[in-house]
């Protein structure tokens, strides 16, 4: 995403911040929106069934180098989101981005700069930036 789009989004969010102008309101809305993202994913599994989750321990053979280890790691997600679940999750992720951006605005931080700095960090550290 281009920096201009991120900056425009942040400007628009700052215009729309009326009820959640307090940092405390935005913090709690950000946390709530994260829960709604989790809930949308869970409902895709338990309600719709378009995806399933089958998790187990991740195992990478010791002889494999770090760069090829990703070939042995699984997402634990099976199936694909249906159009309905994708739409709901997209909306919830959008709301989450809104409140993340609101926090940046309220703390006078530039979201585009944060993206750029994080990109530089992960690019410089490569596999040593594993999360």
Protein backbone atom coordinates (compact mmCIF):
# COMPACT_ATOMS: atom_id res chain seq x y z
CA UNK A 1 0.00 0.00 0.00
CA UNK A 2 1.32 3.40 -0.87
CA UNK A 3 2.14 5.87 1.86
CA UNK A 4 -0.38 8.37 0.43
CA UNK A 5 -3.27 5.94 0.87
CA UNK A 6 -2.28 5.19 4.45
CA UNK A 7 -1.94 8.92 5.20
CA UNK A 8 -5.31 9.63 3.58
CA UNK A 9 -6.87 6.87 5.67
CA UNK A 10 -5.36 8.31 8.84
CA UNK A 11 -6.65 11.78 7.93
CA UNK A 12 -10.15 10.40 7.32
CA UNK A 13 -10.12 8.50 10.63
CA UNK A 14 -9.11 11.67 12.47
CA UNK A 15 -12.06 13.50 10.85
CA UNK A 16 -14.46 10.77 11.94
CA UNK A 17 -13.26 10.47 15.53
CA UNK A 18 -16.12 11.96 17.48
CA UNK A 19 -17.34 9.56 20.12
CA UNK A 20 -13.97 7.86 20.62
CA UNK A 21 -11.79 10.94 20.90
CA UNK A 22 -10.55 9.82 24.32
CA UNK A 23 -7.52 7.53 24.24
CA UNK A 24 -9.34 5.27 26.70
CA UNK A 25 -12.33 4.93 24.37
CA UNK A 26 -10.08 4.14 21.43
CA UNK A 27 -8.01 1.64 23.45
CA UNK A 28 -11.07 -0.29 24.52
CA UNK A 29 -12.63 -0.16 21.03
CA UNK A 30 -9.34 -1.45 19.56
CA UNK A 31 -9.37 -4.34 22.01
CA UNK A 32 -13.05 -5.03 21.31
CA UNK A 33 -12.48 -4.99 17.55
CA UNK A 34 -9.66 -7.54 17.96
CA UNK A 35 -12.10 -9.79 19.78
CA UNK A 36 -14.62 -9.34 16.96
CA UNK A 37 -11.97 -10.43 14.43
CA UNK A 38 -11.32 -13.54 16.51
CA UNK A 39 -15.06 -14.17 16.81
CA UNK A 40 -15.59 -13.86 13.04
CA UNK A 41 -12.90 -16.48 12.43
CA UNK A 42 -14.35 -18.76 15.11
CA UNK A 43 -17.86 -18.43 13.60
CA UNK A 44 -16.42 -19.37 10.19
CA UNK A 45 -15.35 -22.63 11.81
CA UNK A 46 -18.17 -23.37 14.24
CA UNK A 47 -21.12 -21.69 12.54
CA UNK A 48 -20.55 -21.87 8.81
CA UNK A 49 -17.93 -24.59 8.60
CA UNK A 50 -16.28 -23.17 5.49
CA UNK A 51 -12.94 -23.51 7.25
CA UNK A 52 -11.70 -25.86 9.92
CA UNK A 53 -8.74 -25.73 12.24
CA UNK A 54 -6.68 -28.76 13.06
CA UNK A 55 -3.68 -27.75 15.13
CA UNK A 56 -0.72 -29.76 16.27
CA UNK A 57 2.85 -29.09 17.26
CA UNK A 58 4.97 -27.49 14.54
CA UNK A 59 7.98 -29.63 13.74
CA UNK A 60 10.90 -28.65 11.57
CA UNK A 61 13.53 -31.34 10.99
CA UNK A 62 16.83 -30.33 12.62
CA UNK A 63 18.80 -30.78 9.40
CA UNK A 64 16.68 -28.17 7.58
CA UNK A 65 18.04 -24.64 7.44
CA UNK A 66 15.94 -21.77 8.73
CA UNK A 67 15.07 -20.47 5.26
CA UNK A 68 13.48 -23.78 4.24
CA UNK A 69 11.83 -24.45 7.59
CA UNK A 70 8.68 -22.60 6.45
CA UNK A 71 8.05 -25.48 4.04
CA UNK A 72 7.41 -27.69 7.08
CA UNK A 73 5.18 -25.24 8.97
CA UNK A 74 1.42 -25.38 8.65
CA UNK A 75 -1.29 -22.75 9.04
CA UNK A 76 -3.60 -25.35 10.63
CA UNK A 77 -6.43 -23.84 8.54
CA UNK A 78 -8.22 -26.16 6.16
CA UNK A 79 -10.68 -25.00 3.54
CA UNK A 80 -11.38 -21.47 2.34
CA UNK A 81 -13.57 -18.72 3.64
CA UNK A 82 -16.91 -18.57 1.86
CA UNK A 83 -17.98 -15.23 0.40
CA UNK A 84 -20.24 -14.46 3.38
CA UNK A 85 -17.56 -15.19 6.01
CA UNK A 86 -14.94 -13.35 3.97
CA UNK A 87 -17.19 -10.28 3.84
CA UNK A 88 -17.78 -10.33 7.61
CA UNK A 89 -14.10 -10.85 8.40
CA UNK A 90 -13.10 -8.10 6.00
CA UNK A 91 -15.46 -5.71 7.76
CA UNK A 92 -14.16 -6.67 11.20
CA UNK A 93 -10.53 -6.31 10.07
CA UNK A 94 -11.42 -2.90 8.62
CA UNK A 95 -12.89 -1.83 11.97
CA UNK A 96 -9.74 -3.07 13.68
CA UNK A 97 -7.60 -1.00 11.30
CA UNK A 98 -9.83 2.01 12.03
CA UNK A 99 -9.16 1.82 15.77
CA UNK A 100 -5.45 1.11 15.27
CA UNK A 101 -5.31 4.22 13.13
CA UNK A 102 -7.30 6.17 15.71
CA UNK A 103 -4.73 5.24 18.37
CA UNK A 104 -1.93 6.41 16.09
CA UNK A 105 -3.73 9.71 15.49
CA UNK A 106 -4.44 10.32 19.18
CA UNK A 107 -0.80 9.63 20.04
CA UNK A 108 0.38 11.83 17.15
CA UNK A 109 2.06 8.94 15.37
CA UNK A 110 2.07 8.50 11.61
CA UNK A 111 0.75 5.07 10.62
CA UNK A 112 2.53 5.22 7.24
CA UNK A 113 5.82 5.84 9.03
CA UNK A 114 5.15 2.91 11.34
CA UNK A 115 4.51 0.67 8.33
CA UNK A 116 7.71 1.90 6.67
CA UNK A 117 9.79 1.43 9.82
CA UNK A 118 8.44 -2.05 10.42
CA UNK A 119 9.09 -2.96 6.79
CA UNK A 120 12.69 -1.80 7.20
CA UNK A 121 13.03 -3.81 10.44
CA UNK A 122 11.71 -7.05 8.97
CA UNK A 123 13.71 -6.56 5.78
CA UNK A 124 16.93 -5.93 7.67
CA UNK A 125 16.46 -8.73 10.22
CA UNK A 126 14.97 -11.25 7.80
CA UNK A 127 14.51 -14.61 9.46
CA UNK A 128 15.90 -13.25 12.72
CA UNK A 129 12.72 -11.22 13.10
CA UNK A 130 10.62 -14.35 13.60
CA UNK A 131 7.43 -13.70 15.49
